[in-house]
Amino acid sequence: MSRINETLKQKIDELDLDTRLNEAVDQAERVVQRGLDTAADLAREHHDDVERALDRISASIDGRTEGKYAEQVGRVRGTVELGLRKLAERHPDVDPDPQD
């Protein structure tokens, strides 16, 4: 091993970077999970509001374009509804390490 590689390895070990990196990754995963859980809760709580908004938006686009993009609007709407449904069906995971 070259001298620079040895020096880098020694500094990594000295600073315990592997452990610190793993802890940072674990914490980031917990934050992402909490965010997804919150988004799922909001999707469930506001499903009707989202449906009404999609109705208004679709009607507005169809009115302004005289239905020219109705097919594309329908596909986008279907994709949004599917994504929200999947998100709303998400069940929060039990956090095995609640010491956030």
PDB file of N, CA and C in Angstrom:
ATOM      1  N   MET A   1       0.847  -1.172   0.000  1.00  0.00           N
ATOM      2  CA  MET A   1       0.000   0.000   0.000  1.00  0.00           C
ATOM      3  C   MET A   1       0.897   1.241   0.000  1.00  0.00           C
ATOM      4  N   SER A   2       0.487   2.246  -0.773  1.00  0.00           N
ATOM      5  CA  SER A   2       1.293   3.455  -0.847  1.00  0.00           C
ATOM      6  C   SER A   2       1.190   4.246   0.458  1.00  0.00           C
ATOM      7  N   ARG A   3       2.132   5.115   0.632  1.00  0.00           N
ATOM      8  CA  ARG A   3       2.196   5.902   1.869  1.00  0.00           C
ATOM      9  C   ARG A   3       0.941   6.753   2.057  1.00  0.00           C
ATOM     10  N   ILE A   4       0.449   7.358   0.987  1.00  0.00           N
ATOM     11  CA  ILE A   4      -0.746   8.209   1.110  1.00  0.00           C
ATOM     12  C   ILE A   4      -1.965   7.366   1.498  1.00  0.00           C
ATOM     13  N   ASN A   5      -2.076   6.162   0.936  1.00  0.00           N
ATOM     14  CA  ASN A   5      -3.191   5.276   1.297  1.00  0.00           C
ATOM     15  C   ASN A   5      -3.118   4.881   2.767  1.00  0.00           C
ATOM     16  N   GLU A   6      -1.929   4.599   3.226  1.00  0.00           N
ATOM     17  CA  GLU A   6      -1.743   4.242   4.638  1.00  0.00           C
ATOM     18  C   GLU A   6      -2.122   5.404   5.546  1.00  0.00           C
ATOM     19  N   THR A   7      -1.707   6.606   5.145  1.00  0.00           N
ATOM     20  CA  THR A   7      -2.015   7.800   5.929  1.00  0.00           C
ATOM     21  C   THR A   7      -3.529   8.039   5.975  1.00  0.00           C
ATOM     22  N   LEU A   8      -4.181   7.914   4.823  1.00  0.00           N
ATOM     23  CA  LEU A   8      -5.626   8.099   4.774  1.00  0.00           C
ATOM     24  C   LEU A   8      -6.347   7.054   5.624  1.00  0.00           C
ATOM     25  N   LYS A   9      -5.939   5.805   5.515  1.00  0.00           N
ATOM     26  CA  LYS A   9      -6.547   4.727   6.297  1.00  0.00           C
ATOM     27  C   LYS A   9      -6.390   5.015   7.787  1.00  0.00           C
ATOM     28  N   GLN A  10      -5.206   5.455   8.175  1.00  0.00           N
ATOM     29  CA  GLN A  10      -4.948   5.756   9.574  1.00  0.00           C
ATOM     30  C   GLN A  10      -5.848   6.899  10.060  1.00  0.00           C
ATOM     31  N   LYS A  11      -6.014   7.944   9.252  1.00  0.00           N
ATOM     32  CA  LYS A  11      -6.857   9.080   9.645  1.00  0.00           C
ATOM     33  C   LYS A  11      -8.325   8.667   9.721  1.00  0.00           C
ATOM     34  N   ILE A  12      -8.769   7.836   8.779  1.00  0.00           N
ATOM     35  CA  ILE A  12     -10.143   7.342   8.806  1.00  0.00           C
ATOM     36  C   ILE A  12     -10.391   6.558  10.084  1.00  0.00           C
ATOM     37  N   ASP A  13      -9.466   5.687  10.415  1.00  0.00           N
ATOM     38  CA  ASP A  13      -9.591   4.913  11.649  1.00  0.00           C
ATOM     39  C   ASP A  13      -9.528   5.817  12.872  1.00  0.00           C
ATOM     40  N   GLU A  14      -8.626   6.778  12.835  1.00  0.00           N
ATOM     41  CA  GLU A  14      -8.435   7.682  13.964  1.00  0.00           C
ATOM     42  C   GLU A  14      -9.696   8.512  14.239  1.00  0.00           C
ATOM     43  N   LEU A  15     -10.335   8.963  13.184  1.00  0.00           N
ATOM     44  CA  LEU A  15     -11.531   9.798  13.325  1.00  0.00           C
ATOM     45  C   LEU A  15     -12.813   8.973  13.437  1.00  0.00           C
ATOM     46  N   ASP A  16     -12.694   7.662  13.315  1.00  0.00           N
ATOM     47  CA  ASP A  16     -13.832   6.751  13.395  1.00  0.00           C
ATOM     48  C   ASP A  16     -14.911   7.144  12.388  1.00  0.00           C
ATOM     49  N   LEU A  17     -14.472   7.423  11.161  1.00  0.00           N
ATOM     50  CA  LEU A  17     -15.389   7.898  10.132  1.00  0.00           C
ATOM     51  C   LEU A  17     -16.425   6.858   9.732  1.00  0.00           C
ATOM     52  N   ASP A  18     -16.057   5.583   9.741  1.00  0.00           N
ATOM     53  CA  ASP A  18     -17.022   4.544   9.378  1.00  0.00           C
ATOM     54  C   ASP A  18     -18.235   4.578  10.314  1.00  0.00           C
ATOM     55  N   THR A  19     -17.973   4.640  11.596  1.00  0.00           N
ATOM     56  CA  THR A  19     -19.060   4.664  12.571  1.00  0.00           C
ATOM     57  C   THR A  19     -19.885   5.932  12.434  1.00  0.00           C
ATOM     58  N   ARG A  20     -19.228   7.054  12.272  1.00  0.00           N
ATOM     59  CA  ARG A  20     -19.939   8.330  12.137  1.00  0.00           C
ATOM     60  C   ARG A  20     -20.801   8.363  10.876  1.00  0.00           C
ATOM     61  N   LEU A  21     -20.273   7.815   9.799  1.00  0.00           N
ATOM     62  CA  LEU A  21     -21.027   7.775   8.552  1.00  0.00           C
ATOM     63  C   LEU A  21     -22.249   6.875   8.705  1.00  0.00           C
ATOM     64  N   ASN A  22     -22.077   5.716   9.312  1.00  0.00           N
ATOM     65  CA  ASN A  22     -23.208   4.811   9.532  1.00  0.00           C
ATOM     66  C   ASN A  22     -24.268   5.452  10.409  1.00  0.00           C
ATOM     67  N   GLU A  23     -23.860   6.179  11.440  1.00  0.00           N
ATOM     68  CA  GLU A  23     -24.817   6.868  12.304  1.00  0.00           C
ATOM     69  C   GLU A  23     -25.577   7.941  11.529  1.00  0.00           C
ATOM     70  N   ALA A  24     -24.871   8.666  10.666  1.00  0.00           N
ATOM     71  CA  ALA A  24     -25.519   9.708   9.856  1.00  0.00           C
ATOM     72  C   ALA A  24     -26.524   9.080   8.886  1.00  0.00           C
ATOM     73  N   VAL A  25     -26.174   7.956   8.293  1.00  0.00           N
ATOM     74  CA  VAL A  25     -27.082   7.265   7.376  1.00  0.00           C
ATOM     75  C   VAL A  25     -28.314   6.784   8.132  1.00  0.00           C
ATOM     76  N   ASP A  26     -28.126   6.207   9.303  1.00  0.00           N
ATOM     77  CA  ASP A  26     -29.258   5.740  10.109  1.00  0.00           C
ATOM     78  C   ASP A  26     -30.190   6.896  10.466  1.00  0.00           C
ATOM     79  N   GLN A  27     -29.604   8.003  10.861  1.00  0.00           N
ATOM     80  CA  GLN A  27     -30.416   9.163  11.229  1.00  0.00           C
ATOM     81  C   GLN A  27     -31.168   9.694  10.010  1.00  0.00           C
ATOM     82  N   ALA A  28     -30.520   9.748   8.865  1.00  0.00           N
ATOM     83  CA  ALA A  28     -31.186  10.212   7.640  1.00  0.00           C
ATOM     84  C   ALA A  28     -32.346   9.298   7.276  1.00  0.00           C
ATOM     85  N   GLU A  29     -32.158   7.998   7.423  1.00  0.00           N
ATOM     86  CA  GLU A  29     -33.238   7.049   7.137  1.00  0.00           C
ATOM     87  C   GLU A  29     -34.432   7.272   8.058  1.00  0.00           C
ATOM     88  N   ARG A  30     -34.172   7.527   9.329  1.00  0.00           N
ATOM     89  CA  ARG A  30     -35.262   7.791  10.272  1.00  0.00           C
ATOM     90  C   ARG A  30     -36.013   9.064   9.893  1.00  0.00           C
ATOM     91  N   VAL A  31     -35.287  10.095   9.485  1.00  0.00           N
ATOM     92  CA  VAL A  31     -35.917  11.361   9.098  1.00  0.00           C
ATOM     93  C   VAL A  31     -36.785  11.161   7.858  1.00  0.00           C
ATOM     94  N   VAL A  32     -36.276  10.421   6.888  1.00  0.00           N
ATOM     95  CA  VAL A  32     -37.048  10.150   5.671  1.00  0.00           C
ATOM     96  C   VAL A  32     -38.309   9.362   6.014  1.00  0.00           C
ATOM     97  N   GLN A  33     -38.186   8.365   6.866  1.00  0.00           N
ATOM     98  CA  GLN A  33     -39.350   7.568   7.273  1.00  0.00           C
ATOM     99  C   GLN A  33     -40.398   8.442   7.961  1.00  0.00           C
ATOM    100  N   ARG A  34     -39.958   9.323   8.849  1.00  0.00           N
ATOM    101  CA  ARG A  34     -40.905  10.224   9.521  1.00  0.00           C
ATOM    102  C   ARG A  34     -41.593  11.127   8.510  1.00  0.00           C
ATOM    103  N   GLY A  35     -40.833  11.616   7.539  1.00  0.00           N
ATOM    104  CA  GLY A  35     -41.418  12.460   6.494  1.00  0.00           C
ATOM    105  C   GLY A  35     -42.453  11.715   5.674  1.00  0.00           C
ATOM    106  N   LEU A  36     -42.139  10.482   5.313  1.00  0.00           N
ATOM    107  CA  LEU A  36     -43.100   9.669   4.566  1.00  0.00           C
ATOM    108  C   LEU A  36     -44.349   9.377   5.394  1.00  0.00           C
ATOM    109  N   ASP A  37     -44.161   9.095   6.673  1.00  0.00           N
ATOM    110  CA  ASP A  37     -45.305   8.847   7.543  1.00  0.00           C
ATOM    111  C   ASP A  37     -46.196  10.084   7.649  1.00  0.00           C
ATOM    112  N   THR A  38     -45.583  11.245   7.777  1.00  0.00           N
ATOM    113  CA  THR A  38     -46.344  12.495   7.852  1.00  0.00           C
ATOM    114  C   THR A  38     -47.082  12.756   6.539  1.00  0.00           C
ATOM    115  N   ALA A  39     -46.399  12.537   5.421  1.00  0.00           N
ATOM    116  CA  ALA A  39     -47.039  12.725   4.121  1.00  0.00           C
ATOM    117  C   ALA A  39     -48.206  11.758   3.944  1.00  0.00           C
ATOM    118  N   ALA A  40     -48.047  10.525   4.407  1.00  0.00           N
ATOM    119  CA  ALA A  40     -49.132   9.538   4.317  1.00  0.00           C
ATOM    120  C   ALA A  40     -50.326   9.983   5.159  1.00  0.00           C
ATOM    121  N   ASP A  41     -50.058  10.481   6.350  1.00  0.00           N
ATOM    122  CA  ASP A  41     -51.143  10.978   7.205  1.00  0.00           C
ATOM    123  C   ASP A  41     -51.890  12.123   6.520  1.00  0.00           C
ATOM    124  N   LEU A  42     -51.139  13.035   5.937  1.00  0.00           N
ATOM    125  CA  LEU A  42     -51.764  14.176   5.254  1.00  0.00           C
ATOM    126  C   LEU A  42     -52.560  13.721   4.037  1.00  0.00           C
ATOM    127  N   ALA A  43     -52.044  12.746   3.302  1.00  0.00           N
ATOM    128  CA  ALA A  43     -52.752  12.230   2.123  1.00  0.00           C
ATOM    129  C   ALA A  43     -54.079  11.595   2.546  1.00  0.00           C
ATOM    130  N   ARG A  44     -54.074  10.884   3.669  1.00  0.00           N
ATOM    131  CA  ARG A  44     -55.321  10.286   4.163  1.00  0.00           C
ATOM    132  C   ARG A  44     -56.298  11.362   4.646  1.00  0.00           C
ATOM    133  N   GLU A  45     -55.793  12.319   5.399  1.00  0.00           N
ATOM    134  CA  GLU A  45     -56.656  13.341   5.996  1.00  0.00           C
ATOM    135  C   GLU A  45     -57.259  14.288   4.964  1.00  0.00           C
ATOM    136  N   HIS A  46     -56.543  14.551   3.886  1.00  0.00           N
ATOM    137  CA  HIS A  46     -56.966  15.572   2.922  1.00  0.00           C
ATOM    138  C   HIS A  46     -57.306  15.002   1.553  1.00  0.00           C
ATOM    139  N   HIS A  47     -57.659  13.723   1.525  1.00  0.00           N
ATOM    140  CA  HIS A  47     -57.971  13.067   0.250  1.00  0.00           C
ATOM    141  C   HIS A  47     -59.079  13.807  -0.509  1.00  0.00           C
ATOM    142  N   ASP A  48     -60.137  14.157   0.182  1.00  0.00           N
ATOM    143  CA  ASP A  48     -61.269  14.843  -0.465  1.00  0.00           C
ATOM    144  C   ASP A  48     -60.857  16.211  -1.006  1.00  0.00           C
ATOM    145  N   ASP A  49     -60.029  16.930  -0.260  1.00  0.00           N
ATOM    146  CA  ASP A  49     -59.549  18.237  -0.721  1.00  0.00           C
ATOM    147  C   ASP A  49     -58.736  18.092  -2.001  1.00  0.00           C
ATOM    148  N   VAL A  50     -57.902  17.070  -2.048  1.00  0.00           N
ATOM    149  CA  VAL A  50     -57.078  16.839  -3.242  1.00  0.00           C
ATOM    150  C   VAL A  50     -57.963  16.493  -4.429  1.00  0.00           C
ATOM    151  N   GLU A  51     -58.972  15.655  -4.209  1.00  0.00           N
ATOM    152  CA  GLU A  51     -59.899  15.293  -5.289  1.00  0.00           C
ATOM    153  C   GLU A  51     -60.600  16.527  -5.835  1.00  0.00           C
ATOM    154  N   ARG A  52     -61.078  17.400  -4.947  1.00  0.00           N
ATOM    155  CA  ARG A  52     -61.744  18.633  -5.391  1.00  0.00           C
ATOM    156  C   ARG A  52     -60.782  19.524  -6.172  1.00  0.00           C
ATOM    157  N   ALA A  53     -59.554  19.626  -5.696  1.00  0.00           N
ATOM    158  CA  ALA A  53     -58.559  20.437  -6.405  1.00  0.00           C
ATOM    159  C   ALA A  53     -58.284  19.852  -7.790  1.00  0.00           C
ATOM    160  N   LEU A  54     -58.154  18.528  -7.876  1.00  0.00           N
ATOM    161  CA  LEU A  54     -57.920  17.895  -9.173  1.00  0.00           C
ATOM    162  C   LEU A  54     -59.108  18.125 -10.109  1.00  0.00           C
ATOM    163  N   ASP A  55     -60.318  18.090  -9.572  1.00  0.00           N
ATOM    164  CA  ASP A  55     -61.507  18.372 -10.384  1.00  0.00           C
ATOM    165  C   ASP A  55     -61.443  19.787 -10.957  1.00  0.00           C
ATOM    166  N   ARG A  56     -61.147  20.753 -10.081  1.00  0.00           N
ATOM    167  CA  ARG A  56     -61.083  22.163 -10.526  1.00  0.00           C
ATOM    168  C   ARG A  56     -59.970  22.369 -11.548  1.00  0.00           C
ATOM    169  N   ILE A  57     -58.809  21.796 -11.269  1.00  0.00           N
ATOM    170  CA  ILE A  57     -57.671  21.972 -12.175  1.00  0.00           C
ATOM    171  C   ILE A  57     -57.962  21.334 -13.528  1.00  0.00           C
ATOM    172  N   SER A  58     -58.491  20.118 -13.506  1.00  0.00           N
ATOM    173  CA  SER A  58     -58.808  19.425 -14.767  1.00  0.00           C
ATOM    174  C   SER A  58     -59.835  20.217 -15.569  1.00  0.00           C
ATOM    175  N   ALA A  59     -60.879  20.696 -14.904  1.00  0.00           N
ATOM    176  CA  ALA A  59     -61.918  21.459 -15.593  1.00  0.00           C
ATOM    177  C   ALA A  59     -61.360  22.759 -16.165  1.00  0.00           C
ATOM    178  N   SER A  60     -60.489  23.395 -15.402  1.00  0.00           N
ATOM    179  CA  SER A  60     -59.899  24.650 -15.860  1.00  0.00           C
ATOM    180  C   SER A  60     -59.036  24.424 -17.101  1.00  0.00           C
ATOM    181  N   ILE A  61     -58.213  23.398 -17.062  1.00  0.00           N
ATOM    182  CA  ILE A  61     -57.349  23.117 -18.211  1.00  0.00           C
ATOM    183  C   ILE A  61     -58.200  22.737 -19.423  1.00  0.00           C
ATOM    184  N   ASP A  62     -59.190  21.896 -19.210  1.00  0.00           N
ATOM    185  CA  ASP A  62     -60.060  21.498 -20.319  1.00  0.00           C
ATOM    186  C   ASP A  62     -60.802  22.699 -20.896  1.00  0.00           C
ATOM    187  N   GLY A  63     -61.275  23.589 -20.019  1.00  0.00           N
ATOM    188  CA  GLY A  63     -61.976  24.787 -20.485  1.00  0.00           C
ATOM    189  C   GLY A  63     -61.085  25.708 -21.290  1.00  0.00           C
ATOM    190  N   ARG A  64     -59.889  25.918 -20.812  1.00  0.00           N
ATOM    191  CA  ARG A  64     -58.968  26.844 -21.495  1.00  0.00           C
ATOM    192  C   ARG A  64     -58.420  26.276 -22.795  1.00  0.00           C
ATOM    193  N   THR A  65     -58.338  24.963 -22.879  1.00  0.00           N
ATOM    194  CA  THR A  65     -57.769  24.343 -24.091  1.00  0.00           C
ATOM    195  C   THR A  65     -58.848  23.687 -24.944  1.00  0.00           C
ATOM    196  N   GLU A  66     -60.110  23.915 -24.571  1.00  0.00           N
ATOM    197  CA  GLU A  66     -61.258  23.336 -25.278  1.00  0.00           C
ATOM    198  C   GLU A  66     -61.123  21.819 -25.388  1.00  0.00           C
ATOM    199  N   GLY A  67     -60.609  21.191 -24.335  1.00  0.00           N
ATOM    200  CA  GLY A  67     -60.501  19.731 -24.284  1.00  0.00           C
ATOM    201  C   GLY A  67     -59.374  19.144 -25.116  1.00  0.00           C
ATOM    202  N   LYS A  68     -58.561  19.998 -25.704  1.00  0.00           N
ATOM    203  CA  LYS A  68     -57.484  19.526 -26.583  1.00  0.00           C
ATOM    204  C   LYS A  68     -56.521  18.581 -25.868  1.00  0.00           C
ATOM    205  N   TYR A  69     -56.296  18.807 -24.566  1.00  0.00           N
ATOM    206  CA  TYR A  69     -55.334  17.997 -23.806  1.00  0.00           C
ATOM    207  C   TYR A  69     -56.026  17.121 -22.768  1.00  0.00           C
ATOM    208  N   ALA A  70     -57.291  16.826 -22.986  1.00  0.00           N
ATOM    209  CA  ALA A  70     -58.074  16.061 -22.005  1.00  0.00           C
ATOM    210  C   ALA A  70     -57.433  14.704 -21.721  1.00  0.00           C
ATOM    211  N   GLU A  71     -56.929  14.056 -22.741  1.00  0.00           N
ATOM    212  CA  GLU A  71     -56.316  12.734 -22.544  1.00  0.00           C
ATOM    213  C   GLU A  71     -55.069  12.843 -21.659  1.00  0.00           C
ATOM    214  N   GLN A  72     -54.217  13.821 -21.955  1.00  0.00           N
ATOM    215  CA  GLN A  72     -53.005  14.004 -21.150  1.00  0.00           C
ATOM    216  C   GLN A  72     -53.352  14.399 -19.716  1.00  0.00           C
ATOM    217  N   VAL A  73     -54.340  15.267 -19.560  1.00  0.00           N
ATOM    218  CA  VAL A  73     -54.767  15.692 -18.232  1.00  0.00           C
ATOM    219  C   VAL A  73     -55.298  14.491 -17.457  1.00  0.00           C
ATOM    220  N   GLY A  74     -56.052  13.653 -18.127  1.00  0.00           N
ATOM    221  CA  GLY A  74     -56.581  12.451 -17.487  1.00  0.00           C
ATOM    222  C   GLY A  74     -55.484  11.507 -17.030  1.00  0.00           C
ATOM    223  N   ARG A  75     -54.443  11.364 -17.864  1.00  0.00           N
ATOM    224  CA  ARG A  75     -53.321  10.489 -17.473  1.00  0.00           C
ATOM    225  C   ARG A  75     -52.568  11.054 -16.284  1.00  0.00           C
ATOM    226  N   VAL A  76     -52.324  12.345 -16.310  1.00  0.00           N
ATOM    227  CA  VAL A  76     -51.618  12.982 -15.188  1.00  0.00           C
ATOM    228  C   VAL A  76     -52.455  12.865 -13.919  1.00  0.00           C
ATOM    229  N   ARG A  77     -53.733  13.113 -14.052  1.00  0.00           N
ATOM    230  CA  ARG A  77     -54.620  13.004 -12.892  1.00  0.00           C
ATOM    231  C   ARG A  77     -54.600  11.583 -12.332  1.00  0.00           C
ATOM    232  N   GLY A  78     -54.666  10.599 -13.199  1.00  0.00           N
ATOM    233  CA  GLY A  78     -54.621   9.204 -12.762  1.00  0.00           C
ATOM    234  C   GLY A  78     -53.322   8.877 -12.044  1.00  0.00           C
ATOM    235  N   THR A  79     -52.224   9.402 -12.550  1.00  0.00           N
ATOM    236  CA  THR A  79     -50.922   9.168 -11.918  1.00  0.00           C
ATOM    237  C   THR A  79     -50.860   9.820 -10.543  1.00  0.00           C
ATOM    238  N   VAL A  80     -51.370  11.037 -10.445  1.00  0.00           N
ATOM    239  CA  VAL A  80     -51.390  11.733  -9.145  1.00  0.00           C
ATOM    240  C   VAL A  80     -52.267  10.969  -8.160  1.00  0.00           C
ATOM    241  N   GLU A  81     -53.445  10.553  -8.612  1.00  0.00           N
ATOM    242  CA  GLU A  81     -54.351   9.818  -7.723  1.00  0.00           C
ATOM    243  C   GLU A  81     -53.737   8.496  -7.267  1.00  0.00           C
ATOM    244  N   LEU A  82     -53.082   7.789  -8.179  1.00  0.00           N
ATOM    245  CA  LEU A  82     -52.435   6.529  -7.816  1.00  0.00           C
ATOM    246  C   LEU A  82     -51.336   6.755  -6.785  1.00  0.00           C
ATOM    247  N   GLY A  83     -50.514   7.788  -7.016  1.00  0.00           N
ATOM    248  CA  GLY A  83     -49.443   8.095  -6.067  1.00  0.00           C
ATOM    249  C   GLY A  83     -49.976   8.449  -4.694  1.00  0.00           C
ATOM    250  N   LEU A  84     -51.029   9.252  -4.658  1.00  0.00           N
ATOM    251  CA  LEU A  84     -51.630   9.623  -3.372  1.00  0.00           C
ATOM    252  C   LEU A  84     -52.259   8.423  -2.681  1.00  0.00           C
ATOM    253  N   ARG A  85     -52.902   7.553  -3.471  1.00  0.00           N
ATOM    254  CA  ARG A  85     -53.512   6.358  -2.880  1.00  0.00           C
ATOM    255  C   ARG A  85     -52.446   5.454  -2.270  1.00  0.00           C
ATOM    256  N   LYS A  86     -51.345   5.267  -3.009  1.00  0.00           N
ATOM    257  CA  LYS A  86     -50.251   4.437  -2.481  1.00  0.00           C
ATOM    258  C   LYS A  86     -49.660   5.050  -1.225  1.00  0.00           C
ATOM    259  N   LEU A  87     -49.500   6.361  -1.244  1.00  0.00           N
ATOM    260  CA  LEU A  87     -48.955   7.050  -0.074  1.00  0.00           C
ATOM    261  C   LEU A  87     -49.908   6.924   1.108  1.00  0.00           C
ATOM    262  N   ALA A  88     -51.196   7.103   0.866  1.00  0.00           N
ATOM    263  CA  ALA A  88     -52.180   7.028   1.948  1.00  0.00           C
ATOM    264  C   ALA A  88     -52.274   5.620   2.533  1.00  0.00           C
ATOM    265  N   GLU A  89     -52.015   4.605   1.715  1.00  0.00           N
ATOM    266  CA  GLU A  89     -52.080   3.228   2.190  1.00  0.00           C
ATOM    267  C   GLU A  89     -50.841   2.836   2.992  1.00  0.00           C
ATOM    268  N   ARG A  90     -49.847   3.665   2.955  1.00  0.00           N
ATOM    269  CA  ARG A  90     -48.606   3.390   3.677  1.00  0.00           C
ATOM    270  C   ARG A  90     -48.891   3.358   5.177  1.00  0.00           C
ATOM    271  N   HIS A  91     -48.368   2.342   5.824  1.00  0.00           N
ATOM    272  CA  HIS A  91     -48.527   2.219   7.269  1.00  0.00           C
ATOM    273  C   HIS A  91     -47.212   2.599   7.924  1.00  0.00           C
ATOM    274  N   PRO A  92     -47.262   3.445   8.941  1.00  0.00           N
ATOM    275  CA  PRO A  92     -46.016   3.833   9.602  1.00  0.00           C
ATOM    276  C   PRO A  92     -45.324   2.610  10.207  1.00  0.00           C
ATOM    277  N   ASP A  93     -44.032   2.555   9.982  1.00  0.00           N
ATOM    278  CA  ASP A  93     -43.237   1.483  10.578  1.00  0.00           C
ATOM    279  C   ASP A  93     -43.019   1.778  12.045  1.00  0.00           C
ATOM    280  N   VAL A  94     -42.921   0.747  12.826  1.00  0.00           N
ATOM    281  CA  VAL A  94     -42.591   0.907  14.241  1.00  0.00           C
ATOM    282  C   VAL A  94     -41.109   1.171  14.314  1.00  0.00           C
ATOM    283  N   ASP A  95     -40.732   2.265  14.936  1.00  0.00           N
ATOM    284  CA  ASP A  95     -39.327   2.659  15.031  1.00  0.00           C
ATOM    285  C   ASP A  95     -38.660   1.836  16.136  1.00  0.00           C
ATOM    286  N   PRO A  96     -37.718   0.948  15.761  1.00  0.00           N
ATOM    287  CA  PRO A  96     -37.066   0.127  16.775  1.00  0.00           C
ATOM    288  C   PRO A  96     -36.107   0.924  17.642  1.00  0.00           C
ATOM    289  N   ASP A  97     -35.746   2.142  17.216  1.00  0.00           N
ATOM    290  CA  ASP A  97     -34.780   2.951  17.944  1.00  0.00           C
ATOM    291  C   ASP A  97     -35.351   4.365  18.087  1.00  0.00           C
ATOM    292  N   PRO A  98     -36.294   4.588  19.016  1.00  0.00           N
ATOM    293  CA  PRO A  98     -36.993   5.871  19.114  1.00  0.00           C
ATOM    294  C   PRO A  98     -36.184   6.996  19.759  1.00  0.00           C
ATOM    295  N   GLN A  99     -34.890   6.920  19.787  1.00  0.00           N
ATOM    296  CA  GLN A  99     -34.085   7.942  20.464  1.00  0.00           C
ATOM    297  C   GLN A  99     -33.695   9.086  19.551  1.00  0.00           C
ATOM    298  N   ASP A 100     -34.511   9.432  18.563  1.00  0.00           N
ATOM    299  CA  ASP A 100     -34.223  10.490  17.586  1.00  0.00           C
ATOM    300  C   ASP A 100     -33.622  11.644  18.275  1.00  0.00           C
TER     301      ASP A 100
END
